[in-house]
Structure formats: structure tokens, C-alpha cells
Amino acid sequence: MLKLFKRVLFFVCLGIAVQFCMAATTQAYRSDDTAYLSKYLNVMQGDWYNSADQLVLNIANGNINGCAVTNCFDIAGGTNQAGGWFRIVEDAGSRDVELHWHIFGNGHDSLSFNGQPLHK
């Protein structure tokens, strides 16, 4: 009976430890990615057009369409192929925009702005 109690206690403690590890991993995943902000913006730099060849985004000098980019978060992927959220400061206040990009310096470079596909 004592052996059974020790086994049950062991697995309960193991379960609690796993929960703490999962919580720490989730917190790290949702971390602030601002340290990489300039790196991401440099990769996406340039003019981006919609399917009707209308200019939608201009990314240059740490700005998106002339609005300062102050933060990025929940970035998933690498430098050249990734996606996440970017906080921009407009006259009306801050706003979060979702960007996903696939950029390797060829004719197939693409960027998605709030779900809208764009090309260079």
C-alpha cells in the first residue's frame, strides 16, 4: 500500500512540474520580439502593391506608411519567412497590424497585410 501511495504521489508531483514547464513555455512564446524589430523591417523594406498594382504599404526607415513602428510580438518563423503583429503609431493612436512575409529577394517575394496579399 505504501508503494502505491509513493507512486501516486510521484505522478501527481510530475504532473504539477509539467504544468509549470508548459506555463513557462507559453509565456516565452508570447514574449515581446522588439529586439528583432529593425531586422524584420529591413527585410520587408520597400513598396508593396495589391493585385491591382495599387500601392498599399511603404516600409522604410522603421516606418509603415509613414507611421512609426514601436513594437512587434508573437512572431513565428525566421527572418525571411515569418509572420506576426506590429504596433504602429498613427495620429489617432496605436494600432496593431498583422504581417506575414515570404522574402528571398526574387520575383516571388510576397507580404500579407491584415490578410491582404501584396507583392513588390
Foldseek 3Di string as FASTA:
>chain_A
DVVVVVVVVVVVVVVVVVVVVVVVVVVVLFDWPFVCQVLLLVQVAAWKAAPVRDTDWHRPDCDTVPWHWDTWTNWDDDNQFIKGWIWTQDPVGIDIWIKTWHGDPDQPTWMAINNGIIGD
